[in-house]
Amino acid sequence: MSYADILYTVADSVATVAIDRPARLNAITGQTLAELSDALMRAANDGSVGVIVITGVGERAFCSGGDIQWEASGGLDGLDYRLGAQIVDHPKPIIARVNGYALGGGNHLAYFCDLTIAAEHAIFGQSGPKIGAPTGGYTVAHAAAVLGHKRAREMWMVCRQIPAHQALQWGLVNAVVPKEHLDAEVRRWCEDILALSPSSLRMVKASFRHQMEPYMHLSLMEIVSRHAPDIFTSGEQQEGAAAFFEKRRPDFSRWRGGMR
C-alpha cells in the first residue's frame, strides 16, 4: 500500500509511523486511519521490527484528532473505529512519541499505545463532547483502565486540556522531556525494549489484553444506536462543527432532553 497521509520507515529494528498532515495539525481522516492500520499490520509481519513508534510530523502536533472538515461532511457516520483495538492486540510494543497537541482521536491514539513519551510542550485532552462528535465504546472505556475512573471521567466529561507534566502525574504518559531530547528519550526506551525477549513481551501484552476483555468488543456504533441514535441527523453534531468553524461556544441546550 502506498501512503498519502503517513510516513513509514524502519531503522535499527524500530518501525516509525508518522502522521504526515502538519498543515492540519496531523488531524486524521478515514484515509489516515486506514493507512495507520495498514502500517501496523506491516510492522507486525516484519521480522526485522521489534518495536513501533507512532508520532506526527513537525513540532506542533502529534495528532489533533479527527479532521473537523471530514467529520462535518459525515466522515464519522458509520465509522467502525478499530485502531485502538488493533494497538492493544498488536504482538509488538508500541510507543507514542508525542510532540505537541494530542487531542481527541490523537489523545486516545496515544493512551492506547503501550507507552507514551511526551515533549514538555505536549498538550492532551478530549474534544468530542465539545463539538458534538459521537464518542463511546471501548475507546472511552479504555481510559478508565489507564487512568482510573475519576481522572478518566474528568478527561472525557469536562474536556479540559492537560499539559504534559500534569499528564505525567495522572499516569497518562510515562515520561516528559524537553522537545530537543525527545528523540533520544524515545530511542532509549526502544533500546530497552529491544533487549528483551519478544515472546515474553507478546505474552505480557496478551495478559494486559485479557484484563481489558470485558469492554474491548463494545463498539462506538453500538453505543450510538443505543444512546444517541439521532446524533447524525438531529443537528447536534452540526452545531458543534459550526461553532468550531465560527470560533464560538456551541449551544447544545436544545438537545439536553430527558431520560430516554
Protein backbone atom coordinates (compact mmCIF):
# COMPACT_ATOMS: atom_id res chain seq x y z
CA MET A 1 0.00 0.00 0.00
CA SER A 2 1.32 3.46 -0.90
CA TYR A 3 0.66 6.11 1.71
CA ALA A 4 -0.63 9.66 1.27
CA ASP A 5 -1.22 10.65 4.92
CA ILE A 6 1.59 8.87 6.78
CA LEU A 7 5.30 8.17 6.55
CA TYR A 8 6.57 4.66 7.28
CA THR A 9 10.24 3.91 7.91
CA VAL A 10 12.24 1.11 9.51
CA ALA A 11 15.70 1.62 11.03
CA ASP A 12 17.63 -0.23 13.71
CA SER A 13 14.71 -2.60 14.41
CA VAL A 14 12.29 0.30 15.01
CA ALA A 15 9.34 0.99 12.70
CA THR A 16 8.31 4.65 12.82
CA VAL A 17 4.80 5.55 11.70
CA ALA A 18 4.34 9.31 11.38
CA ILE A 19 1.09 11.09 10.56
CA ASP A 20 2.13 13.47 7.78
CA ARG A 21 -0.52 16.18 7.75
CA PRO A 22 1.25 19.02 9.60
CA ALA A 23 -0.76 21.75 7.87
CA ARG A 24 -3.85 20.24 9.55
CA LEU A 25 -2.02 19.63 12.87
CA ASN A 26 -1.89 15.97 11.84
CA ALA A 27 -5.66 15.65 12.06
CA ILE A 28 -6.92 12.29 10.86
CA THR A 29 -9.49 11.20 8.30
CA GLY A 30 -10.76 7.80 7.26
CA GLN A 31 -7.84 7.63 4.83
CA THR A 32 -5.36 8.28 7.65
CA LEU A 33 -6.93 5.60 9.83
CA ALA A 34 -6.74 3.05 7.01
CA GLU A 35 -3.09 3.85 6.40
CA LEU A 36 -2.20 3.65 10.11
CA SER A 37 -3.92 0.28 10.30
CA ASP A 38 -2.04 -0.99 7.27
CA ALA A 39 1.30 0.23 8.66
CA LEU A 40 0.70 -1.57 11.95
CA MET A 41 -0.04 -4.82 10.11
CA ARG A 42 3.07 -4.30 8.02
CA ALA A 43 5.22 -3.88 11.13
CA ALA A 44 3.63 -6.92 12.77
CA ASN A 45 4.69 -9.08 9.82
CA ASP A 46 8.21 -7.66 9.53
CA GLY A 47 10.68 -9.87 11.38
CA SER A 48 13.24 -7.06 11.47
CA VAL A 49 10.93 -4.86 13.60
CA GLY A 50 10.98 -5.21 17.37
CA VAL A 51 9.18 -2.04 18.43
CA ILE A 52 6.94 0.55 16.78
CA VAL A 53 6.86 4.31 17.32
CA ILE A 54 3.78 6.33 16.36
CA THR A 55 4.25 10.09 16.03
CA GLY A 56 3.31 13.15 14.00
CA VAL A 57 5.35 15.22 11.58
CA GLY A 58 6.54 18.58 12.93
CA GLU A 59 6.72 20.01 16.44
CA ARG A 60 3.21 21.41 16.78
CA ALA A 61 1.10 18.26 16.95
CA PHE A 62 1.21 14.54 17.49
CA CYS A 63 -2.39 14.38 16.27
CA SER A 64 -5.11 16.97 16.85
CA GLY A 65 -7.92 14.43 16.44
CA GLY A 66 -10.42 13.95 13.67
CA ASP A 67 -10.22 16.45 10.83
CA ILE A 68 -13.22 18.67 11.57
CA GLN A 69 -13.99 19.20 7.87
CA TRP A 70 -14.03 15.44 7.33
CA GLU A 71 -16.24 14.95 10.41
CA ALA A 72 -18.62 17.76 9.41
CA SER A 73 -19.07 16.15 5.98
CA GLY A 74 -20.22 12.91 7.61
CA GLY A 75 -16.93 11.07 7.90
CA LEU A 76 -17.83 9.65 11.32
CA ASP A 77 -21.23 8.35 10.23
CA GLY A 78 -20.98 4.57 10.35
CA LEU A 79 -17.23 4.62 11.04
CA ASP A 80 -16.04 1.41 12.67
CA TYR A 81 -13.03 2.70 14.61
CA ARG A 82 -10.82 -0.28 15.45
CA LEU A 83 -7.34 1.28 15.56
CA GLY A 84 -7.21 1.28 19.36
CA ALA A 85 -8.13 -2.40 19.48
CA GLN A 86 -5.51 -3.12 16.82
CA ILE A 87 -2.85 -1.47 19.01
CA VAL A 88 -3.96 -3.49 22.04
CA ASP A 89 -3.98 -6.73 20.03
CA HIS A 90 -0.68 -5.98 18.29
CA PRO A 91 2.06 -8.50 19.11
CA LYS A 92 4.81 -5.88 19.39
CA PRO A 93 5.33 -2.96 21.82
CA ILE A 94 4.10 0.39 20.52
CA ILE A 95 5.34 3.76 21.79
CA ALA A 96 3.58 7.09 21.25
CA ARG A 97 6.11 9.87 20.64
CA VAL A 98 4.03 12.94 21.47
CA ASN A 99 5.50 16.12 20.02
CA GLY A 100 2.73 18.69 20.60
CA TYR A 101 -1.06 18.51 20.65
CA ALA A 102 -2.62 15.11 21.31
CA LEU A 103 -6.31 15.96 21.29
CA GLY A 104 -9.46 13.96 20.65
CA GLY A 105 -8.55 10.99 18.49
CA GLY A 106 -4.89 11.91 18.94
CA ASN A 107 -5.22 11.64 22.70
CA HIS A 108 -6.77 8.21 22.69
CA LEU A 109 -4.34 7.08 19.99
CA ALA A 110 -1.59 7.98 22.49
CA TYR A 111 -3.20 6.32 25.51
CA PHE A 112 -3.86 3.11 23.60
CA CYS A 113 -0.13 2.79 22.90
CA ASP A 114 1.78 0.65 25.38
CA LEU A 115 4.00 3.56 26.39
CA THR A 116 3.76 7.31 25.86
CA ILE A 117 6.76 9.65 25.81
CA ALA A 118 5.96 13.36 25.58
CA ALA A 119 7.78 16.60 24.96
CA GLU A 120 7.28 19.29 27.59
CA HIS A 121 5.11 21.35 25.25
CA ALA A 122 2.69 18.47 24.62
CA ILE A 123 -1.00 19.01 25.41
CA PHE A 124 -3.51 16.20 25.89
CA GLY A 125 -7.30 16.16 26.09
CA GLN A 126 -10.61 15.09 24.64
CA SER A 127 -12.71 17.24 22.32
CA GLY A 128 -15.58 15.04 21.10
CA PRO A 129 -18.20 16.33 23.56
CA LYS A 130 -17.10 19.90 22.75
CA ILE A 131 -18.08 19.53 19.10
CA GLY A 132 -20.93 17.05 19.36
CA ALA A 133 -18.92 14.20 17.86
CA PRO A 134 -20.07 10.66 18.73
CA THR A 135 -17.87 9.24 21.49
CA GLY A 136 -18.07 5.94 23.28
CA GLY A 137 -17.35 2.24 23.25
CA TYR A 138 -14.04 0.68 24.13
CA THR A 139 -12.20 3.91 23.24
CA VAL A 140 -13.74 5.69 26.23
CA ALA A 141 -13.78 2.61 28.48
CA HIS A 142 -10.05 2.08 27.97
CA ALA A 143 -9.31 5.47 29.53
CA ALA A 144 -10.54 4.14 32.88
CA ALA A 145 -8.11 1.22 32.60
CA VAL A 146 -5.27 3.70 32.07
CA LEU A 147 -6.24 6.46 34.50
CA GLY A 148 -8.84 5.11 36.90
CA HIS A 149 -12.44 6.23 36.73
CA LYS A 150 -12.27 9.67 38.34
CA ARG A 151 -9.49 11.00 36.12
CA ALA A 152 -10.90 9.29 33.03
CA ARG A 153 -14.31 10.84 33.64
CA GLU A 154 -12.71 14.23 34.24
CA MET A 155 -10.84 13.94 30.96
CA TRP A 156 -13.89 12.87 28.95
CA MET A 157 -16.72 14.74 30.73
CA VAL A 158 -15.05 18.11 31.37
CA CYS A 159 -12.74 18.24 28.33
CA ARG A 160 -10.04 20.47 29.76
CA GLN A 161 -6.66 20.42 28.10
CA ILE A 162 -3.97 18.62 30.10
CA PRO A 163 -0.34 19.87 30.00
CA ALA A 164 2.39 17.25 29.70
CA HIS A 165 3.59 17.37 33.32
CA GLN A 166 0.01 17.07 34.60
CA ALA A 167 -0.48 14.12 32.25
CA LEU A 168 2.61 12.54 33.81
CA GLN A 169 1.14 12.99 37.31
CA TRP A 170 -2.12 11.40 36.16
CA GLY A 171 -0.37 8.40 34.64
CA LEU A 172 -1.42 9.33 31.11
CA VAL A 173 2.22 9.39 29.97
CA ASN A 174 5.38 7.58 31.07
CA ALA A 175 7.99 10.32 30.64
CA VAL A 176 8.22 14.03 29.80
CA VAL A 177 11.37 15.60 28.40
CA PRO A 178 12.40 18.86 26.66
CA LYS A 179 11.50 18.68 22.98
CA GLU A 180 15.16 18.69 21.94
CA HIS A 181 15.65 15.47 23.92
CA LEU A 182 12.50 13.71 22.73
CA ASP A 183 14.11 11.56 20.02
CA ALA A 184 16.94 10.48 22.31
CA GLU A 185 14.49 9.56 25.07
CA VAL A 186 12.28 7.56 22.71
CA ARG A 187 15.36 5.80 21.37
CA ARG A 188 16.43 4.92 24.92
CA TRP A 189 13.06 3.29 25.62
CA CYS A 190 13.22 1.44 22.29
CA GLU A 191 16.68 0.08 23.09
CA ASP A 192 15.49 -1.15 26.50
CA ILE A 193 12.58 -2.96 24.82
CA LEU A 194 14.77 -4.41 22.05
CA ALA A 195 16.97 -6.03 24.69
CA LEU A 196 14.01 -8.09 25.95
CA SER A 197 12.52 -11.37 24.79
CA PRO A 198 9.95 -10.78 22.01
CA SER A 199 7.99 -13.87 23.03
CA SER A 200 7.82 -12.71 26.64
CA LEU A 201 6.64 -9.28 25.51
CA ARG A 202 3.89 -10.87 23.40
CA MET A 203 2.71 -12.76 26.48
CA VAL A 204 2.80 -9.59 28.58
CA LYS A 205 0.69 -7.71 26.04
CA ALA A 206 -1.74 -10.62 25.79
CA SER A 207 -2.07 -10.64 29.58
CA PHE A 208 -2.94 -6.95 29.68
CA ARG A 209 -5.38 -7.57 26.83
CA HIS A 210 -7.11 -10.29 28.88
CA GLN A 211 -7.81 -7.76 31.64
CA MET A 212 -9.47 -5.47 29.07
CA GLU A 213 -11.62 -8.22 27.55
CA PRO A 214 -14.96 -7.22 29.14
CA TYR A 215 -15.18 -3.99 27.12
CA MET A 216 -12.96 -4.49 24.07
CA HIS A 217 -15.91 -5.59 21.92
CA LEU A 218 -18.05 -2.58 22.84
CA SER A 219 -18.18 -0.58 19.62
CA LEU A 220 -18.86 3.10 19.12
CA MET A 221 -21.74 2.38 16.74
CA GLU A 222 -23.34 0.12 19.34
CA ILE A 223 -23.25 2.99 21.85
CA VAL A 224 -24.62 5.40 19.23
CA SER A 225 -27.52 3.10 18.34
CA ARG A 226 -28.44 2.57 22.00
CA HIS A 227 -27.96 6.02 23.48
CA ALA A 228 -27.82 8.65 20.72
CA PRO A 229 -29.30 7.20 17.50
CA ASP A 230 -30.14 10.61 16.08
CA ILE A 231 -26.80 12.34 16.70
CA PHE A 232 -26.01 12.49 12.97
CA THR A 233 -29.44 13.83 11.95
CA SER A 234 -30.68 15.97 14.86
CA GLY A 235 -28.39 18.91 14.15
CA GLU A 236 -26.39 18.43 17.35
CA GLN A 237 -23.20 17.36 15.61
CA GLN A 238 -23.67 20.11 13.01
CA GLU A 239 -23.98 22.72 15.78
CA GLY A 240 -20.69 21.55 17.29
CA ALA A 241 -18.89 21.71 13.95
CA ALA A 242 -20.38 25.12 13.09
CA ALA A 243 -19.33 26.54 16.46
CA PHE A 244 -15.79 25.28 15.91
CA PHE A 245 -15.54 26.94 12.50
CA GLU A 246 -17.17 30.16 13.78
CA LYS A 247 -14.87 30.22 16.87
CA ARG A 248 -17.76 30.44 19.31
CA ARG A 249 -19.09 28.38 22.17
CA PRO A 250 -21.64 25.82 20.92
CA ASP A 251 -25.20 25.92 22.21
CA PHE A 252 -26.27 22.34 22.93
CA SER A 253 -29.13 23.32 25.26
CA ARG A 254 -31.94 22.14 22.97
CA TRP A 255 -30.62 18.56 22.96
CA ARG A 256 -30.47 18.06 26.74
CA GLY A 257 -33.86 16.41 26.83
CA GLY A 258 -34.73 13.85 29.48
CA MET A 259 -34.35 10.15 30.13
CA ARG A 260 -34.50 8.00 27.00
